[in-house]
Amino acid sequence: MRTEQEMFDLILGFAREDERIRAVYMNGSRTNPNVPKDIFQDYDIVYVVNETRTFIEDKDWIHVFGELLIKQEPDKNDQSVGREVDFDRSYMYLMLFKDGNRIDLRLQSRECMLDEYKEDKLTVPLLDKDQILPSIPEPSDKDYHVERPTEELYHNYCNEFWWCLQNVAKGIWRDELPYANWMFENTSRNPLEKMISWWIGAQHDFSISPGKLGKYFKKHLPTNYWEMYEKTYYTSDYDSFWDSIFVACELFRKLGTEVADQLSFTYPMQDDQNMMKYLKRVREIPKDAEEIF
């Protein structure tokens, strides 16, 4: 596998030699000093170019970066299903190479760069032939810190968690696994993970990031809470599914009450108790039941 230095030499060497490329910058995890380096980190690179057309029409230049395992052209894919895209403004190549390195390379017009360059605080300039890149501060992940919730937002997420579990419960009772699974993962897990993020944020004065999709939850949660979170993932067995639901409820209650205490909010214990009674009842009623209570 080529080293980081070898990859940067390749990326910048090609840019220096190609007159169509006027500037290069990087964003993503490699610009974040708080992210540990590992072998799976990709290179999020932007080439600011005079024009994108020749890069798109003749793709042979891509092979300078190595032997491809697979690539994706998301803008082309979007256009193929009718989404509106502007290839002259921006075009993306996602490339995974046979040595394991990955480059997410975006071609960007100067106009597009001027509109977007300052939007992401995790940006590092790498090459500027014409001094066209605006001045920016040192990279910071501040934009990704957990935001302190308002009490209204806190209660909205509490309500969402408890309300949506009734859909999960009826899906299990009806033996509709795809529906029940979708409802749990797409409606109940979201407020659970939001509460986890708020709990982590509250421990650090809301000046920390839990990572994209909660990838640093394990790092920031106490062992007992992390072990509970692990148990919210289940198999297709309904008994295991129910067990994971009740663990999720317990974890949500613990985190929710602690967040409420720290932020001087009120945890909706009545909703909690009412829904726990409902969920326990749905779990035990037979499949030929004609009423719930």
Protein backbone atom coordinates (compact mmCIF):
# COMPACT_ATOMS: atom_id res chain seq x y z
CA MET A 1 0.00 0.00 0.00
CA ARG A 2 1.44 3.37 -0.99
CA THR A 3 2.29 5.71 1.87
CA GLU A 4 0.60 9.02 2.58
CA GLN A 5 3.64 10.87 1.28
CA GLU A 6 3.64 8.86 -1.94
CA MET A 7 -0.04 9.63 -2.47
CA PHE A 8 0.40 13.36 -1.89
CA ASP A 9 3.42 13.40 -4.21
CA LEU A 10 1.27 11.76 -6.88
CA ILE A 11 -1.78 13.97 -6.37
CA LEU A 12 0.20 17.22 -6.32
CA GLY A 13 2.73 16.14 -8.93
CA PHE A 14 -0.01 15.53 -11.47
CA ALA A 15 -1.64 18.87 -10.58
CA ARG A 16 1.60 20.79 -11.02
CA GLU A 17 2.19 19.34 -14.48
CA ASP A 18 -1.35 19.75 -15.83
CA GLU A 19 -2.03 23.35 -16.89
CA ARG A 20 -5.78 22.81 -16.65
CA ILE A 21 -5.46 22.50 -12.87
CA ARG A 22 -4.93 25.87 -11.16
CA ALA A 23 -5.29 25.02 -7.48
CA VAL A 24 -5.66 22.06 -5.13
CA TYR A 25 -7.16 21.80 -1.69
CA MET A 26 -8.20 19.04 0.69
CA ASN A 27 -11.00 18.53 3.17
CA GLY A 28 -12.30 15.57 5.15
CA SER A 29 -10.81 13.54 7.97
CA ARG A 30 -7.17 14.03 6.95
CA THR A 31 -7.49 17.73 7.74
CA ASN A 32 -8.95 17.13 11.21
CA PRO A 33 -6.27 17.02 13.94
CA ASN A 34 -8.73 15.28 16.27
CA VAL A 35 -9.19 12.25 13.98
CA PRO A 36 -6.70 9.38 14.42
CA LYS A 37 -4.98 8.30 11.23
CA ASP A 38 -5.59 4.81 9.87
CA ILE A 39 -5.21 2.81 6.67
CA PHE A 40 -8.82 3.42 5.54
CA GLN A 41 -8.71 7.21 5.48
CA ASP A 42 -9.38 8.46 1.98
CA TYR A 43 -7.95 11.52 0.29
CA ASP A 44 -10.69 14.13 -0.16
CA ILE A 45 -9.12 16.26 -2.88
CA VAL A 46 -10.45 19.14 -4.95
CA TYR A 47 -8.82 20.21 -8.20
CA VAL A 48 -9.81 23.74 -9.18
CA VAL A 49 -9.72 23.65 -12.97
CA ASN A 50 -10.12 25.93 -15.98
CA GLU A 51 -12.77 23.60 -17.35
CA THR A 52 -14.14 20.14 -16.49
CA ARG A 53 -15.19 18.94 -19.94
CA THR A 54 -11.88 17.44 -21.10
CA PHE A 55 -11.43 15.62 -17.77
CA ILE A 56 -14.85 14.01 -18.26
CA GLU A 57 -14.62 13.19 -21.96
CA ASP A 58 -11.21 11.51 -21.74
CA LYS A 59 -10.77 9.57 -18.50
CA ASP A 60 -7.36 8.08 -19.23
CA TRP A 61 -5.74 10.63 -16.89
CA ILE A 62 -7.32 8.85 -13.91
CA HIS A 63 -4.94 5.92 -14.29
CA VAL A 64 -1.98 8.07 -13.25
CA PHE A 65 -3.16 7.53 -9.67
CA GLY A 66 -2.88 3.75 -9.85
CA GLU A 67 -4.68 0.57 -10.84
CA LEU A 68 -8.38 0.91 -10.13
CA LEU A 69 -10.34 -1.66 -8.17
CA ILE A 70 -13.61 0.22 -8.70
CA LYS A 71 -14.77 3.78 -9.27
CA GLN A 72 -17.99 5.74 -9.05
CA GLU A 73 -19.09 8.90 -10.81
CA PRO A 74 -21.96 10.13 -8.61
CA ASP A 75 -22.78 13.17 -10.76
CA LYS A 76 -23.11 10.96 -13.83
CA ASN A 77 -25.29 8.54 -11.86
CA ASP A 78 -27.50 11.38 -10.65
CA GLN A 79 -27.95 12.67 -14.19
CA SER A 80 -28.87 9.19 -15.44
CA VAL A 81 -31.91 9.10 -13.14
CA GLY A 82 -33.08 12.61 -14.00
CA ARG A 83 -31.48 14.70 -11.26
CA GLU A 84 -30.27 18.13 -12.29
CA VAL A 85 -26.48 18.46 -12.26
CA ASP A 86 -24.04 20.95 -13.75
CA PHE A 87 -20.94 19.15 -14.99
CA ASP A 88 -19.32 22.47 -15.96
CA ARG A 89 -19.45 23.62 -12.35
CA SER A 90 -18.35 20.46 -10.57
CA TYR A 91 -17.72 16.76 -11.20
CA MET A 92 -16.72 13.99 -8.79
CA TYR A 93 -14.68 10.81 -9.19
CA LEU A 94 -14.63 8.33 -6.29
CA MET A 95 -11.74 5.92 -6.81
CA LEU A 96 -10.62 2.84 -4.87
CA PHE A 97 -7.29 1.43 -5.99
CA LYS A 98 -5.99 -2.11 -5.84
CA ASP A 99 -3.44 -1.23 -3.16
CA GLY A 100 -6.30 -0.11 -0.85
CA ASN A 101 -5.86 3.64 -1.20
CA ARG A 102 -8.94 5.72 -2.01
CA ILE A 103 -9.17 9.18 -3.57
CA ASP A 104 -12.39 11.18 -3.68
CA LEU A 105 -11.44 13.69 -6.34
CA ARG A 106 -13.68 16.60 -7.19
CA LEU A 107 -13.15 18.76 -10.26
CA GLN A 108 -14.37 22.26 -9.52
CA SER A 109 -14.63 25.44 -11.53
CA ARG A 110 -13.13 28.61 -10.11
CA GLU A 111 -16.61 30.11 -9.72
CA CYS A 112 -17.80 27.10 -7.76
CA MET A 113 -14.71 27.20 -5.56
CA LEU A 114 -15.29 30.86 -4.72
CA ASP A 115 -18.86 30.03 -3.69
CA GLU A 116 -18.00 27.02 -1.53
CA TYR A 117 -14.39 27.21 -0.37
CA LYS A 118 -15.07 28.81 3.01
CA GLU A 119 -18.12 26.67 3.85
CA ASP A 120 -16.16 23.75 5.33
CA LYS A 121 -13.83 24.67 8.18
CA LEU A 122 -11.97 21.40 7.65
CA THR A 123 -10.16 22.67 4.56
CA VAL A 124 -6.44 22.82 3.83
CA PRO A 125 -4.95 24.49 0.71
CA LEU A 126 -2.30 22.36 -0.99
CA LEU A 127 -1.42 24.19 -4.22
CA ASP A 128 -2.33 27.59 -5.64
CA LYS A 129 -0.70 28.47 -8.96
CA ASP A 130 -2.52 31.79 -9.40
CA GLN A 131 -3.20 32.81 -5.79
CA ILE A 132 -6.93 32.30 -6.28
CA LEU A 133 -7.75 30.44 -3.06
CA PRO A 134 -9.22 32.79 -0.43
CA SER A 135 -7.49 33.11 2.90
CA ILE A 136 -8.91 30.76 5.56
CA PRO A 137 -8.07 29.96 9.21
CA GLU A 138 -6.45 26.73 10.38
CA PRO A 139 -8.74 23.69 9.99
CA SER A 140 -11.22 23.11 12.81
CA ASP A 141 -13.99 20.59 13.43
CA LYS A 142 -16.08 23.21 15.23
CA ASP A 143 -18.85 22.91 12.64
CA TYR A 144 -19.25 19.26 13.64
CA HIS A 145 -19.54 19.79 17.39
CA VAL A 146 -22.74 18.65 19.08
CA GLU A 147 -25.14 21.56 19.32
CA ARG A 148 -26.77 22.30 22.66
CA PRO A 149 -30.49 21.51 22.25
CA THR A 150 -33.31 23.82 23.16
CA GLU A 151 -35.83 22.35 25.57
CA GLU A 152 -38.38 22.22 22.75
CA LEU A 153 -36.03 20.22 20.54
CA TYR A 154 -35.17 17.90 23.43
CA HIS A 155 -38.85 17.16 24.01
CA ASN A 156 -39.48 16.66 20.30
CA TYR A 157 -36.84 13.92 20.16
CA CYS A 158 -38.14 12.30 23.35
CA ASN A 159 -41.62 12.26 21.86
CA GLU A 160 -40.31 10.84 18.59
CA PHE A 161 -38.50 8.00 20.34
CA TRP A 162 -41.44 6.86 22.43
CA TRP A 163 -44.13 7.45 19.81
CA CYS A 164 -42.39 5.53 17.01
CA LEU A 165 -41.82 2.43 19.11
CA GLN A 166 -45.51 1.58 18.82
CA ASN A 167 -44.95 1.11 15.08
CA VAL A 168 -42.05 -1.23 15.78
CA ALA A 169 -44.16 -3.21 18.23
CA LYS A 170 -47.08 -3.74 15.87
CA GLY A 171 -44.68 -4.71 13.08
CA ILE A 172 -43.25 -7.48 15.25
CA TRP A 173 -46.72 -8.65 16.35
CA ARG A 174 -47.85 -8.82 12.70
CA ASP A 175 -44.66 -10.74 11.76
CA GLU A 176 -43.68 -7.94 9.36
CA LEU A 177 -39.93 -8.05 9.91
CA PRO A 178 -38.88 -5.60 7.14
CA TYR A 179 -41.40 -3.02 8.38
CA ALA A 180 -40.52 -3.46 12.06
CA ASN A 181 -36.80 -3.34 11.34
CA TRP A 182 -37.12 -0.24 9.16
CA MET A 183 -39.20 1.55 11.77
CA PHE A 184 -36.71 0.78 14.52
CA GLU A 185 -33.63 1.73 12.54
CA ASN A 186 -35.06 4.80 10.81
CA THR A 187 -37.38 6.31 13.39
CA SER A 188 -36.41 5.07 16.86
CA ARG A 189 -32.64 4.80 16.53
CA ASN A 190 -32.31 8.38 15.31
CA PRO A 191 -33.62 9.99 18.54
CA LEU A 192 -31.67 7.46 20.61
CA GLU A 193 -28.43 8.45 18.89
CA LYS A 194 -29.32 12.12 19.11
CA MET A 195 -29.69 11.68 22.88
CA ILE A 196 -26.32 9.90 23.00
CA SER A 197 -24.76 12.82 21.14
CA TRP A 198 -26.33 15.34 23.52
CA TRP A 199 -25.10 13.34 26.51
CA ILE A 200 -21.56 13.31 25.11
CA GLY A 201 -21.80 16.99 24.24
CA ALA A 202 -22.98 17.88 27.72
CA GLN A 203 -19.92 16.19 29.24
CA HIS A 204 -17.66 18.48 27.18
CA ASP A 205 -19.54 21.79 27.24
CA PHE A 206 -20.76 21.06 23.70
CA SER A 207 -17.28 21.51 22.22
CA ILE A 208 -16.80 17.99 20.87
CA SER A 209 -17.81 15.90 17.88
CA PRO A 210 -19.10 12.32 18.31
CA GLY A 211 -18.06 11.62 14.72
CA LYS A 212 -20.06 11.01 11.58
CA LEU A 213 -22.89 8.55 12.27
CA GLY A 214 -21.71 8.25 15.86
CA LYS A 215 -18.47 6.50 14.99
CA TYR A 216 -16.81 7.81 18.17
CA PHE A 217 -19.62 6.80 20.54
CA LYS A 218 -17.50 3.95 21.93
CA LYS A 219 -14.67 6.36 22.69
CA HIS A 220 -16.85 8.81 24.62
CA LEU A 221 -19.42 6.62 26.37
CA PRO A 222 -18.75 4.88 29.69
CA THR A 223 -18.31 1.13 29.28
CA ASN A 224 -21.71 0.26 30.78
CA TYR A 225 -23.54 2.64 28.43
CA TRP A 226 -21.58 1.42 25.42
CA GLU A 227 -22.41 -2.20 26.25
CA MET A 228 -26.08 -1.27 26.45
CA TYR A 229 -25.86 0.48 23.10
CA GLU A 230 -24.28 -2.62 21.54
CA LYS A 231 -27.28 -4.64 22.66
CA THR A 232 -29.65 -2.39 20.71
CA TYR A 233 -28.46 -4.27 17.61
CA TYR A 234 -30.31 -7.54 17.12
CA THR A 235 -30.79 -10.59 14.93
CA SER A 236 -33.91 -11.56 12.96
CA ASP A 237 -35.11 -13.51 16.01
CA TYR A 238 -38.09 -11.66 17.49
CA ASP A 239 -37.18 -12.42 21.10
CA SER A 240 -33.78 -10.83 20.50
CA PHE A 241 -35.51 -7.94 18.73
CA TRP A 242 -37.75 -7.32 21.75
CA ASP A 243 -34.79 -7.54 24.11
CA SER A 244 -32.93 -4.92 22.05
CA ILE A 245 -35.97 -2.63 22.15
CA PHE A 246 -36.15 -2.74 25.93
CA VAL A 247 -32.42 -2.15 26.25
CA ALA A 248 -32.81 0.85 23.93
CA CYS A 249 -35.61 2.13 26.18
CA GLU A 250 -33.49 1.75 29.29
CA LEU A 251 -30.53 3.48 27.69
CA PHE A 252 -32.71 6.31 26.37
CA ARG A 253 -34.20 6.79 29.85
CA LYS A 254 -30.81 6.91 31.57
CA LEU A 255 -29.27 9.30 29.06
CA GLY A 256 -32.44 11.39 28.73
CA THR A 257 -32.78 11.98 32.46
CA GLU A 258 -29.08 12.85 32.81
CA VAL A 259 -29.22 15.29 29.90
CA ALA A 260 -32.37 16.83 31.36
CA ASP A 261 -30.69 17.24 34.76
CA GLN A 262 -27.60 18.85 33.24
CA LEU A 263 -29.59 21.26 31.07
CA SER A 264 -32.37 21.96 33.57
CA PHE A 265 -35.01 20.28 31.38
CA THR A 266 -37.80 17.93 32.45
CA TYR A 267 -37.69 14.35 31.20
CA PRO A 268 -41.16 13.12 30.02
CA MET A 269 -41.42 10.23 32.46
CA GLN A 270 -45.15 9.80 31.94
CA ASP A 271 -44.69 9.09 28.23
CA ASP A 272 -41.90 6.68 29.16
CA GLN A 273 -44.05 4.77 31.64
CA ASN A 274 -47.10 4.68 29.38
CA MET A 275 -45.16 3.32 26.42
CA MET A 276 -43.27 0.77 28.51
CA LYS A 277 -46.65 -0.61 29.64
CA TYR A 278 -47.84 -0.69 26.03
CA LEU A 279 -44.70 -2.39 24.70
CA LYS A 280 -44.72 -5.06 27.39
CA ARG A 281 -48.37 -5.75 26.64
CA VAL A 282 -47.84 -6.07 22.87
CA ARG A 283 -44.95 -8.46 23.45
CA GLU A 284 -47.13 -10.84 25.45
CA ILE A 285 -50.46 -10.82 23.58
CA PRO A 286 -51.11 -13.85 21.33
CA LYS A 287 -51.29 -13.63 17.55
CA ASP A 288 -55.03 -14.25 17.52
CA ALA A 289 -55.81 -11.48 20.04
CA GLU A 290 -58.84 -9.36 19.24
CA GLU A 291 -57.89 -6.48 21.50
CA ILE A 292 -54.73 -5.02 22.99
CA PHE A 293 -55.95 -4.25 26.50
